[in-house]
PDB file of N, CA and C in Angstrom:
ATOM      1  N   MET A   1       0.840  -1.178   0.000  1.00  0.00           N
ATOM      2  CA  MET A   1       0.000   0.000   0.000  1.00  0.00           C
ATOM      3  C   MET A   1       0.888   1.245   0.000  1.00  0.00           C
ATOM      4  N   LYS A   2       0.559   2.171  -0.853  1.00  0.00           N
ATOM      5  CA  LYS A   2       1.333   3.404  -0.963  1.00  0.00           C
ATOM      6  C   LYS A   2       1.339   4.152   0.365  1.00  0.00           C
ATOM      7  N   GLY A   3       2.525   4.624   0.754  1.00  0.00           N
ATOM      8  CA  GLY A   3       2.636   5.421   1.966  1.00  0.00           C
ATOM      9  C   GLY A   3       2.798   4.632   3.248  1.00  0.00           C
ATOM     10  N   ARG A   4       2.786   3.307   3.194  1.00  0.00           N
ATOM     11  CA  ARG A   4       2.845   2.534   4.432  1.00  0.00           C
ATOM     12  C   ARG A   4       4.243   2.469   5.034  1.00  0.00           C
ATOM     13  N   ASN A   5       5.265   2.861   4.291  1.00  0.00           N
ATOM     14  CA  ASN A   5       6.585   2.944   4.907  1.00  0.00           C
ATOM     15  C   ASN A   5       6.938   4.408   5.188  1.00  0.00           C
ATOM     16  N   GLU A   6       5.914   5.237   5.144  1.00  0.00           N
ATOM     17  CA  GLU A   6       6.031   6.640   5.527  1.00  0.00           C
ATOM     18  C   GLU A   6       5.037   6.874   6.655  1.00  0.00           C
ATOM     19  N   GLY A   7       5.298   7.874   7.465  1.00  0.00           N
ATOM     20  CA  GLY A   7       4.353   8.071   8.552  1.00  0.00           C
ATOM     21  C   GLY A   7       4.470   9.387   9.281  1.00  0.00           C
ATOM     22  N   TRP A   8       3.491   9.587  10.119  1.00  0.00           N
ATOM     23  CA  TRP A   8       3.420  10.705  11.051  1.00  0.00           C
ATOM     24  C   TRP A   8       3.761  10.147  12.422  1.00  0.00           C
ATOM     25  N   ILE A   9       4.481  10.911  13.200  1.00  0.00           N
ATOM     26  CA  ILE A   9       4.826  10.445  14.538  1.00  0.00           C
ATOM     27  C   ILE A   9       4.742  11.610  15.510  1.00  0.00           C
ATOM     28  N   THR A  10       4.310  11.320  16.716  1.00  0.00           N
ATOM     29  CA  THR A  10       4.203  12.335  17.754  1.00  0.00           C
ATOM     30  C   THR A  10       4.703  11.746  19.066  1.00  0.00           C
ATOM     31  N   PHE A  11       4.748  12.579  20.083  1.00  0.00           N
ATOM     32  CA  PHE A  11       5.308  12.186  21.374  1.00  0.00           C
ATOM     33  C   PHE A  11       4.369  12.612  22.492  1.00  0.00           C
ATOM     34  N   ALA A  12       4.214  11.743  23.483  1.00  0.00           N
ATOM     35  CA  ALA A  12       3.418  12.065  24.671  1.00  0.00           C
ATOM     36  C   ALA A  12       4.184  11.623  25.911  1.00  0.00           C
ATOM     37  N   ASN A  13       4.329  12.533  26.857  1.00  0.00           N
ATOM     38  CA  ASN A  13       5.065  12.267  28.091  1.00  0.00           C
ATOM     39  C   ASN A  13       4.186  11.678  29.189  1.00  0.00           C
ATOM     40  N   ASP A  14       2.878  11.903  29.124  1.00  0.00           N
ATOM     41  CA  ASP A  14       1.977  11.442  30.184  1.00  0.00           C
ATOM     42  C   ASP A  14       0.573  11.232  29.602  1.00  0.00           C
ATOM     43  N   ASP A  15      -0.384  10.889  30.464  1.00  0.00           N
ATOM     44  CA  ASP A  15      -1.745  10.607  29.999  1.00  0.00           C
ATOM     45  C   ASP A  15      -2.394  11.813  29.326  1.00  0.00           C
ATOM     46  N   GLN A  16      -2.201  13.007  29.847  1.00  0.00           N
ATOM     47  CA  GLN A  16      -2.816  14.191  29.245  1.00  0.00           C
ATOM     48  C   GLN A  16      -2.277  14.435  27.839  1.00  0.00           C
ATOM     49  N   GLU A  17      -0.976  14.326  27.681  1.00  0.00           N
ATOM     50  CA  GLU A  17      -0.393  14.498  26.346  1.00  0.00           C
ATOM     51  C   GLU A  17      -0.820  13.362  25.418  1.00  0.00           C
ATOM     52  N   ALA A  18      -1.026  12.172  25.967  1.00  0.00           N
ATOM     53  CA  ALA A  18      -1.513  11.054  25.157  1.00  0.00           C
ATOM     54  C   ALA A  18      -2.934  11.333  24.668  1.00  0.00           C
ATOM     55  N   LYS A  19      -3.749  11.964  25.505  1.00  0.00           N
ATOM     56  CA  LYS A  19      -5.101  12.368  25.077  1.00  0.00           C
ATOM     57  C   LYS A  19      -5.004  13.372  23.935  1.00  0.00           C
ATOM     58  N   ASN A  20      -4.079  14.328  24.047  1.00  0.00           N
ATOM     59  CA  ASN A  20      -3.868  15.290  22.966  1.00  0.00           C
ATOM     60  C   ASN A  20      -3.462  14.561  21.680  1.00  0.00           C
ATOM     61  N   SER A  21      -2.645  13.527  21.832  1.00  0.00           N
ATOM     62  CA  SER A  21      -2.211  12.744  20.674  1.00  0.00           C
ATOM     63  C   SER A  21      -3.380  12.033  20.007  1.00  0.00           C
ATOM     64  N   MET A  22      -4.371  11.646  20.799  1.00  0.00           N
ATOM     65  CA  MET A  22      -5.573  11.018  20.240  1.00  0.00           C
ATOM     66  C   MET A  22      -6.352  12.007  19.376  1.00  0.00           C
ATOM     67  N   VAL A  23      -6.365  13.283  19.781  1.00  0.00           N
ATOM     68  CA  VAL A  23      -7.018  14.316  18.968  1.00  0.00           C
ATOM     69  C   VAL A  23      -6.276  14.464  17.641  1.00  0.00           C
ATOM     70  N   LEU A  24      -4.944  14.490  17.699  1.00  0.00           N
ATOM     71  CA  LEU A  24      -4.143  14.550  16.481  1.00  0.00           C
ATOM     72  C   LEU A  24      -4.412  13.329  15.605  1.00  0.00           C
ATOM     73  N   LEU A  25      -4.439  12.153  16.211  1.00  0.00           N
ATOM     74  CA  LEU A  25      -4.724  10.919  15.481  1.00  0.00           C
ATOM     75  C   LEU A  25      -6.056  11.018  14.746  1.00  0.00           C
ATOM     76  N   THR A  26      -7.081  11.455  15.442  1.00  0.00           N
ATOM     77  CA  THR A  26      -8.416  11.572  14.853  1.00  0.00           C
ATOM     78  C   THR A  26      -8.403  12.540  13.680  1.00  0.00           C
ATOM     79  N   SER A  27      -7.725  13.676  13.850  1.00  0.00           N
ATOM     80  CA  SER A  27      -7.704  14.658  12.764  1.00  0.00           C
ATOM     81  C   SER A  27      -6.946  14.120  11.549  1.00  0.00           C
ATOM     82  N   LEU A  28      -5.872  13.366  11.762  1.00  0.00           N
ATOM     83  CA  LEU A  28      -5.147  12.765  10.643  1.00  0.00           C
ATOM     84  C   LEU A  28      -5.995  11.699   9.947  1.00  0.00           C
ATOM     85  N   ARG A  29      -6.693  10.869  10.719  1.00  0.00           N
ATOM     86  CA  ARG A  29      -7.549   9.829  10.126  1.00  0.00           C
ATOM     87  C   ARG A  29      -8.669  10.460   9.295  1.00  0.00           C
ATOM     88  N   GLN A  30      -9.187  11.595   9.740  1.00  0.00           N
ATOM     89  CA  GLN A  30     -10.271  12.258   9.011  1.00  0.00           C
ATOM     90  C   GLN A  30      -9.809  12.798   7.657  1.00  0.00           C
ATOM     91  N   THR A  31      -8.507  12.984   7.483  1.00  0.00           N
ATOM     92  CA  THR A  31      -7.988  13.430   6.192  1.00  0.00           C
ATOM     93  C   THR A  31      -7.772  12.252   5.235  1.00  0.00           C
ATOM     94  N   CYS A  32      -8.050  11.035   5.700  1.00  0.00           N
ATOM     95  CA  CYS A  32      -7.879   9.806   4.917  1.00  0.00           C
ATOM     96  C   CYS A  32      -6.422   9.596   4.505  1.00  0.00           C
ATOM     97  N   THR A  33      -5.506   9.885   5.410  1.00  0.00           N
ATOM     98  CA  THR A  33      -4.094   9.673   5.121  1.00  0.00           C
ATOM     99  C   THR A  33      -3.804   8.201   4.876  1.00  0.00           C
ATOM    100  N   SER A  34      -2.897   7.942   3.961  1.00  0.00           N
ATOM    101  CA  SER A  34      -2.468   6.558   3.707  1.00  0.00           C
ATOM    102  C   SER A  34      -1.217   6.225   4.518  1.00  0.00           C
ATOM    103  N   LYS A  35      -0.683   7.208   5.221  1.00  0.00           N
ATOM    104  CA  LYS A  35       0.549   7.024   5.989  1.00  0.00           C
ATOM    105  C   LYS A  35       0.254   6.478   7.389  1.00  0.00           C
ATOM    106  N   LYS A  36       1.244   5.771   7.946  1.00  0.00           N
ATOM    107  CA  LYS A  36       1.109   5.258   9.309  1.00  0.00           C
ATOM    108  C   LYS A  36       1.097   6.436  10.290  1.00  0.00           C
ATOM    109  N   ILE A  37       0.427   6.237  11.407  1.00  0.00           N
ATOM    110  CA  ILE A  37       0.401   7.238  12.473  1.00  0.00           C
ATOM    111  C   ILE A  37       0.935   6.557  13.727  1.00  0.00           C
ATOM    112  N   MET A  38       2.039   7.089  14.239  1.00  0.00           N
ATOM    113  CA  MET A  38       2.747   6.435  15.333  1.00  0.00           C
ATOM    114  C   MET A  38       2.919   7.375  16.517  1.00  0.00           C
ATOM    115  N   LEU A  39       3.213   6.790  17.658  1.00  0.00           N
ATOM    116  CA  LEU A  39       3.301   7.527  18.912  1.00  0.00           C
ATOM    117  C   LEU A  39       4.475   7.014  19.737  1.00  0.00           C
ATOM    118  N   ILE A  40       5.203   7.946  20.331  1.00  0.00           N
ATOM    119  CA  ILE A  40       6.275   7.618  21.269  1.00  0.00           C
ATOM    120  C   ILE A  40       5.792   8.022  22.657  1.00  0.00           C
ATOM    121  N   LEU A  41       5.899   7.118  23.623  1.00  0.00           N
ATOM    122  CA  LEU A  41       5.442   7.371  24.990  1.00  0.00           C
ATOM    123  C   LEU A  41       6.589   7.231  25.986  1.00  0.00           C
ATOM    124  N   THR A  42       6.374   7.762  27.182  1.00  0.00           N
ATOM    125  CA  THR A  42       7.289   7.527  28.297  1.00  0.00           C
ATOM    126  C   THR A  42       6.590   6.639  29.320  1.00  0.00           C
ATOM    127  N   SER A  43       7.317   6.234  30.328  1.00  0.00           N
ATOM    128  CA  SER A  43       6.758   5.366  31.375  1.00  0.00           C
ATOM    129  C   SER A  43       5.749   6.106  32.246  1.00  0.00           C
ATOM    130  N   LYS A  44       5.600   7.410  32.085  1.00  0.00           N
ATOM    131  CA  LYS A  44       4.605   8.170  32.850  1.00  0.00           C
ATOM    132  C   LYS A  44       3.184   7.944  32.336  1.00  0.00           C
ATOM    133  N   THR A  45       3.048   7.290  31.183  1.00  0.00           N
ATOM    134  CA  THR A  45       1.727   6.990  30.643  1.00  0.00           C
ATOM    135  C   THR A  45       1.208   5.730  31.320  1.00  0.00           C
ATOM    136  N   SER A  46      -0.016   5.774  31.817  1.00  0.00           N
ATOM    137  CA  SER A  46      -0.578   4.634  32.549  1.00  0.00           C
ATOM    138  C   SER A  46      -0.756   3.426  31.646  1.00  0.00           C
ATOM    139  N   SER A  47      -0.640   2.245  32.226  1.00  0.00           N
ATOM    140  CA  SER A  47      -0.740   1.002  31.445  1.00  0.00           C
ATOM    141  C   SER A  47      -2.126   0.825  30.844  1.00  0.00           C
ATOM    142  N   SER A  48      -3.165   1.258  31.537  1.00  0.00           N
ATOM    143  CA  SER A  48      -4.514   1.122  30.985  1.00  0.00           C
ATOM    144  C   SER A  48      -4.692   2.016  29.758  1.00  0.00           C
ATOM    145  N   PHE A  49      -4.105   3.193  29.788  1.00  0.00           N
ATOM    146  CA  PHE A  49      -4.186   4.089  28.644  1.00  0.00           C
ATOM    147  C   PHE A  49      -3.298   3.577  27.503  1.00  0.00           C
ATOM    148  N   TRP A  50      -2.162   3.000  27.857  1.00  0.00           N
ATOM    149  CA  TRP A  50      -1.247   2.414  26.868  1.00  0.00           C
ATOM    150  C   TRP A  50      -1.992   1.405  25.996  1.00  0.00           C
ATOM    151  N   GLU A  51      -2.801   0.537  26.630  1.00  0.00           N
ATOM    152  CA  GLU A  51      -3.548  -0.491  25.905  1.00  0.00           C
ATOM    153  C   GLU A  51      -4.485   0.121  24.863  1.00  0.00           C
ATOM    154  N   ILE A  52      -5.120   1.217  25.207  1.00  0.00           N
ATOM    155  CA  ILE A  52      -6.015   1.911  24.271  1.00  0.00           C
ATOM    156  C   ILE A  52      -5.217   2.467  23.098  1.00  0.00           C
ATOM    157  N   LEU A  53      -4.073   3.072  23.405  1.00  0.00           N
ATOM    158  CA  LEU A  53      -3.248   3.690  22.371  1.00  0.00           C
ATOM    159  C   LEU A  53      -2.709   2.661  21.385  1.00  0.00           C
ATOM    160  N   VAL A  54      -2.332   1.489  21.881  1.00  0.00           N
ATOM    161  CA  VAL A  54      -1.808   0.427  21.020  1.00  0.00           C
ATOM    162  C   VAL A  54      -2.868  -0.003  20.005  1.00  0.00           C
ATOM    163  N   GLU A  55      -4.130  -0.001  20.406  1.00  0.00           N
ATOM    164  CA  GLU A  55      -5.219  -0.369  19.501  1.00  0.00           C
ATOM    165  C   GLU A  55      -5.461   0.697  18.438  1.00  0.00           C
ATOM    166  N   LYS A  56      -5.271   1.954  18.777  1.00  0.00           N
ATOM    167  CA  LYS A  56      -5.633   3.061  17.893  1.00  0.00           C
ATOM    168  C   LYS A  56      -4.528   3.455  16.913  1.00  0.00           C
ATOM    169  N   PHE A  57      -3.286   3.493  17.379  1.00  0.00           N
ATOM    170  CA  PHE A  57      -2.170   3.936  16.542  1.00  0.00           C
ATOM    171  C   PHE A  57      -1.600   2.765  15.762  1.00  0.00           C
ATOM    172  N   ASP A  58      -0.926   3.065  14.637  1.00  0.00           N
ATOM    173  CA  ASP A  58      -0.293   2.033  13.826  1.00  0.00           C
ATOM    174  C   ASP A  58       0.999   1.527  14.457  1.00  0.00           C
ATOM    175  N   GLY A  59       1.559   2.292  15.357  1.00  0.00           N
ATOM    176  CA  GLY A  59       2.765   1.894  16.063  1.00  0.00           C
ATOM    177  C   GLY A  59       2.906   2.724  17.324  1.00  0.00           C
ATOM    178  N   VAL A  60       3.230   2.074  18.431  1.00  0.00           N
ATOM    179  CA  VAL A  60       3.448   2.767  19.701  1.00  0.00           C
ATOM    180  C   VAL A  60       4.792   2.294  20.242  1.00  0.00           C
ATOM    181  N   TYR A  61       5.634   3.250  20.598  1.00  0.00           N
ATOM    182  CA  TYR A  61       6.994   2.949  21.046  1.00  0.00           C
ATOM    183  C   TYR A  61       7.240   3.573  22.417  1.00  0.00           C
ATOM    184  N   MET A  62       8.015   2.882  23.225  1.00  0.00           N
ATOM    185  CA  MET A  62       8.441   3.410  24.523  1.00  0.00           C
ATOM    186  C   MET A  62       9.756   4.147  24.312  1.00  0.00           C
ATOM    187  N   LEU A  63       9.822   5.378  24.782  1.00  0.00           N
ATOM    188  CA  LEU A  63      11.059   6.151  24.687  1.00  0.00           C
ATOM    189  C   LEU A  63      12.076   5.543  25.640  1.00  0.00           C
ATOM    190  N   PRO A  64      13.183   5.048  25.106  1.00  0.00           N
ATOM    191  CA  PRO A  64      14.188   4.447  25.991  1.00  0.00           C
ATOM    192  C   PRO A  64      14.913   5.500  26.814  1.00  0.00           C
ATOM    193  N   GLU A  65      15.417   5.075  27.940  1.00  0.00           N
ATOM    194  CA  GLU A  65      16.228   5.970  28.763  1.00  0.00           C
ATOM    195  C   GLU A  65      17.511   6.283  28.009  1.00  0.00           C
ATOM    196  N   MET A  66      17.908   7.535  28.053  1.00  0.00           N
ATOM    197  CA  MET A  66      19.136   7.948  27.389  1.00  0.00           C
ATOM    198  C   MET A  66      19.993   8.712  28.381  1.00  0.00           C
ATOM    199  N   ASN A  67      21.276   8.582  28.252  1.00  0.00           N
ATOM    200  CA  ASN A  67      22.208   9.297  29.126  1.00  0.00           C
ATOM    201  C   ASN A  67      22.540  10.672  28.558  1.00  0.00           C
ATOM    202  N   ILE A  68      21.485  11.444  28.335  1.00  0.00           N
ATOM    203  CA  ILE A  68      21.644  12.795  27.792  1.00  0.00           C
ATOM    204  C   ILE A  68      20.846  13.727  28.704  1.00  0.00           C
ATOM    205  N   ASP A  69      21.397  14.071  29.840  1.00  0.00           N
ATOM    206  CA  ASP A  69      20.660  14.852  30.837  1.00  0.00           C
ATOM    207  C   ASP A  69      20.293  16.253  30.380  1.00  0.00           C
ATOM    208  N   ALA A  70      21.078  16.837  29.510  1.00  0.00           N
ATOM    209  CA  ALA A  70      20.851  18.222  29.112  1.00  0.00           C
ATOM    210  C   ALA A  70      19.797  18.369  28.014  1.00  0.00           C
ATOM    211  N   VAL A  71      19.222  17.268  27.552  1.00  0.00           N
ATOM    212  CA  VAL A  71      18.277  17.307  26.443  1.00  0.00           C
ATOM    213  C   VAL A  71      16.868  17.018  26.958  1.00  0.00           C
ATOM    214  N   ASP A  72      15.884  17.850  26.560  1.00  0.00           N
ATOM    215  CA  ASP A  72      14.509  17.644  27.012  1.00  0.00           C
ATOM    216  C   ASP A  72      13.897  16.416  26.345  1.00  0.00           C
ATOM    217  N   LEU A  73      12.780  15.947  26.902  1.00  0.00           N
ATOM    218  CA  LEU A  73      12.171  14.689  26.442  1.00  0.00           C
ATOM    219  C   LEU A  73      11.710  14.740  24.997  1.00  0.00           C
ATOM    220  N   GLU A  74      11.136  15.851  24.567  1.00  0.00           N
ATOM    221  CA  GLU A  74      10.667  15.924  23.179  1.00  0.00           C
ATOM    222  C   GLU A  74      11.841  15.814  22.207  1.00  0.00           C
ATOM    223  N   THR A  75      12.948  16.436  22.545  1.00  0.00           N
ATOM    224  CA  THR A  75      14.143  16.324  21.698  1.00  0.00           C
ATOM    225  C   THR A  75      14.656  14.890  21.704  1.00  0.00           C
ATOM    226  N   ARG A  76      14.619  14.226  22.850  1.00  0.00           N
ATOM    227  CA  ARG A  76      15.010  12.811  22.917  1.00  0.00           C
ATOM    228  C   ARG A  76      14.113  11.967  22.015  1.00  0.00           C
ATOM    229  N   ALA A  77      12.810  12.286  22.004  1.00  0.00           N
ATOM    230  CA  ALA A  77      11.872  11.554  21.153  1.00  0.00           C
ATOM    231  C   ALA A  77      12.222  11.749  19.682  1.00  0.00           C
ATOM    232  N   LYS A  78      12.590  12.961  19.318  1.00  0.00           N
ATOM    233  CA  LYS A  78      12.975  13.226  17.927  1.00  0.00           C
ATOM    234  C   LYS A  78      14.242  12.455  17.567  1.00  0.00           C
ATOM    235  N   ILE A  79      15.187  12.383  18.485  1.00  0.00           N
ATOM    236  CA  ILE A  79      16.409  11.605  18.252  1.00  0.00           C
ATOM    237  C   ILE A  79      16.052  10.127  18.098  1.00  0.00           C
ATOM    238  N   PHE A  80      15.130   9.648  18.939  1.00  0.00           N
ATOM    239  CA  PHE A  80      14.693   8.250  18.883  1.00  0.00           C
ATOM    240  C   PHE A  80      14.089   7.908  17.513  1.00  0.00           C
ATOM    241  N   CYS A  81      13.427   8.858  16.886  1.00  0.00           N
ATOM    242  CA  CYS A  81      12.825   8.621  15.564  1.00  0.00           C
ATOM    243  C   CYS A  81      13.839   8.101  14.561  1.00  0.00           C
ATOM    244  N   TRP A  82      15.085   8.529  14.685  1.00  0.00           N
ATOM    245  CA  TRP A  82      16.129   8.083  13.767  1.00  0.00           C
ATOM    246  C   TRP A  82      16.380   6.580  13.866  1.00  0.00           C
ATOM    247  N   SER A  83      16.009   5.969  14.979  1.00  0.00           N
ATOM    248  CA  SER A  83      16.224   4.524  15.132  1.00  0.00           C
ATOM    249  C   SER A  83      15.123   3.699  14.470  1.00  0.00           C
ATOM    250  N   LEU A  84      14.060   4.335  14.035  1.00  0.00           N
ATOM    251  CA  LEU A  84      12.931   3.620  13.425  1.00  0.00           C
ATOM    252  C   LEU A  84      13.195   3.445  11.934  1.00  0.00           C
ATOM    253  N   ILE A  85      14.183   2.635  11.614  1.00  0.00           N
ATOM    254  CA  ILE A  85      14.694   2.532  10.248  1.00  0.00           C
ATOM    255  C   ILE A  85      13.765   1.805   9.279  1.00  0.00           C
ATOM    256  N   GLU A  86      12.709   1.168   9.785  1.00  0.00           N
ATOM    257  CA  GLU A  86      11.781   0.490   8.886  1.00  0.00           C
ATOM    258  C   GLU A  86      10.921   1.492   8.107  1.00  0.00           C
ATOM    259  N   ASN A  87      11.012   2.755   8.485  1.00  0.00           N
ATOM    260  CA  ASN A  87      10.236   3.798   7.826  1.00  0.00           C
ATOM    261  C   ASN A  87      11.126   4.601   6.886  1.00  0.00           C
ATOM    262  N   LYS A  88      10.640   4.805   5.674  1.00  0.00           N
ATOM    263  CA  LYS A  88      11.387   5.575   4.684  1.00  0.00           C
ATOM    264  C   LYS A  88      11.385   7.059   5.042  1.00  0.00           C
ATOM    265  N   LYS A  89      10.236   7.532   5.520  1.00  0.00           N
ATOM    266  CA  LYS A  89      10.110   8.948   5.866  1.00  0.00           C
ATOM    267  C   LYS A  89       9.155   9.093   7.043  1.00  0.00           C
ATOM    268  N   LEU A  90       9.555   9.874   8.046  1.00  0.00           N
ATOM    269  CA  LEU A  90       8.705  10.189   9.190  1.00  0.00           C
ATOM    270  C   LEU A  90       8.633  11.705   9.343  1.00  0.00           C
ATOM    271  N   VAL A  91       7.451  12.191   9.653  1.00  0.00           N
ATOM    272  CA  VAL A  91       7.276  13.604   9.956  1.00  0.00           C
ATOM    273  C   VAL A  91       6.810  13.697  11.401  1.00  0.00           C
ATOM    274  N   PHE A  92       7.555  14.439  12.210  1.00  0.00           N
ATOM    275  CA  PHE A  92       7.225  14.606  13.620  1.00  0.00           C
ATOM    276  C   PHE A  92       6.241  15.762  13.757  1.00  0.00           C
ATOM    277  N   LEU A  93       5.105  15.489  14.414  1.00  0.00           N
ATOM    278  CA  LEU A  93       4.105  16.520  14.679  1.00  0.00           C
ATOM    279  C   LEU A  93       3.936  16.674  16.180  1.00  0.00           C
ATOM    280  N   PRO A  94       3.899  17.904  16.692  1.00  0.00           N
ATOM    281  CA  PRO A  94       3.622  18.086  18.120  1.00  0.00           C
ATOM    282  C   PRO A  94       2.229  17.535  18.448  1.00  0.00           C
ATOM    283  N   ASN A  95       2.068  16.994  19.647  1.00  0.00           N
ATOM    284  CA  ASN A  95       0.769  16.398  20.000  1.00  0.00           C
ATOM    285  C   ASN A  95      -0.335  17.433  20.169  1.00  0.00           C
ATOM    286  N   SER A  96       0.006  18.696  20.145  1.00  0.00           N
ATOM    287  CA  SER A  96      -0.999  19.756  20.227  1.00  0.00           C
ATOM    288  C   SER A  96      -1.515  20.161  18.846  1.00  0.00           C
ATOM    289  N   SER A  97      -1.036  19.489  17.798  1.00  0.00           N
ATOM    290  CA  SER A  97      -1.442  19.802  16.425  1.00  0.00           C
ATOM    291  C   SER A  97      -2.817  19.222  16.116  1.00  0.00           C
ATOM    292  N   VAL A  98      -3.520  19.893  15.200  1.00  0.00           N
ATOM    293  CA  VAL A  98      -4.753  19.385  14.612  1.00  0.00           C
ATOM    294  C   VAL A  98      -4.622  19.589  13.113  1.00  0.00           C
ATOM    295  N   VAL A  99      -4.871  18.540  12.353  1.00  0.00           N
ATOM    296  CA  VAL A  99      -4.738  18.608  10.893  1.00  0.00           C
ATOM    297  C   VAL A  99      -6.120  18.781  10.289  1.00  0.00           C
ATOM    298  N   LYS A 100      -6.270  19.792   9.461  1.00  0.00           N
ATOM    299  CA  LYS A 100      -7.581  20.116   8.862  1.00  0.00           C
ATOM    300  C   LYS A 100      -7.744  19.591   7.442  1.00  0.00           C
ATOM    301  N   GLN A 101      -6.634  19.398   6.729  1.00  0.00           N
ATOM    302  CA  GLN A 101      -6.707  18.872   5.368  1.00  0.00           C
ATOM    303  C   GLN A 101      -5.521  17.967   5.124  1.00  0.00           C
ATOM    304  N   LYS A 102      -5.641  17.130   4.109  1.00  0.00           N
ATOM    305  CA  LYS A 102      -4.590  16.154   3.816  1.00  0.00           C
ATOM    306  C   LYS A 102      -3.272  16.860   3.523  1.00  0.00           C
ATOM    307  N   LEU A 103      -2.210  16.367   4.151  1.00  0.00           N
ATOM    308  CA  LEU A 103      -0.877  16.949   3.973  1.00  0.00           C
ATOM    309  C   LEU A 103      -0.107  16.205   2.916  1.00  0.00           C
TER     310      LEU A 103
END
């Protein structure tokens, strides 16, 4: 399927940000995107919410611990995206984004 090795990815540090990511997910799905929609989470996201997210997103990843104290979590998530080599192209969107038309 065209676009399946390309995707949108966002980051959520906790349950509230994960809820924001669900709004982004919904807005992307409404544009009928053919690209995967993925999410990076931290351990601050509750396990019950994690289960819901795994069902909704095309891929959910746990942000690994990194020995980079001077770098904020969102930047760490962006660095982590480089390790997702199964994807030809990823576009990082903040979880506060809402997409109104197909990108």
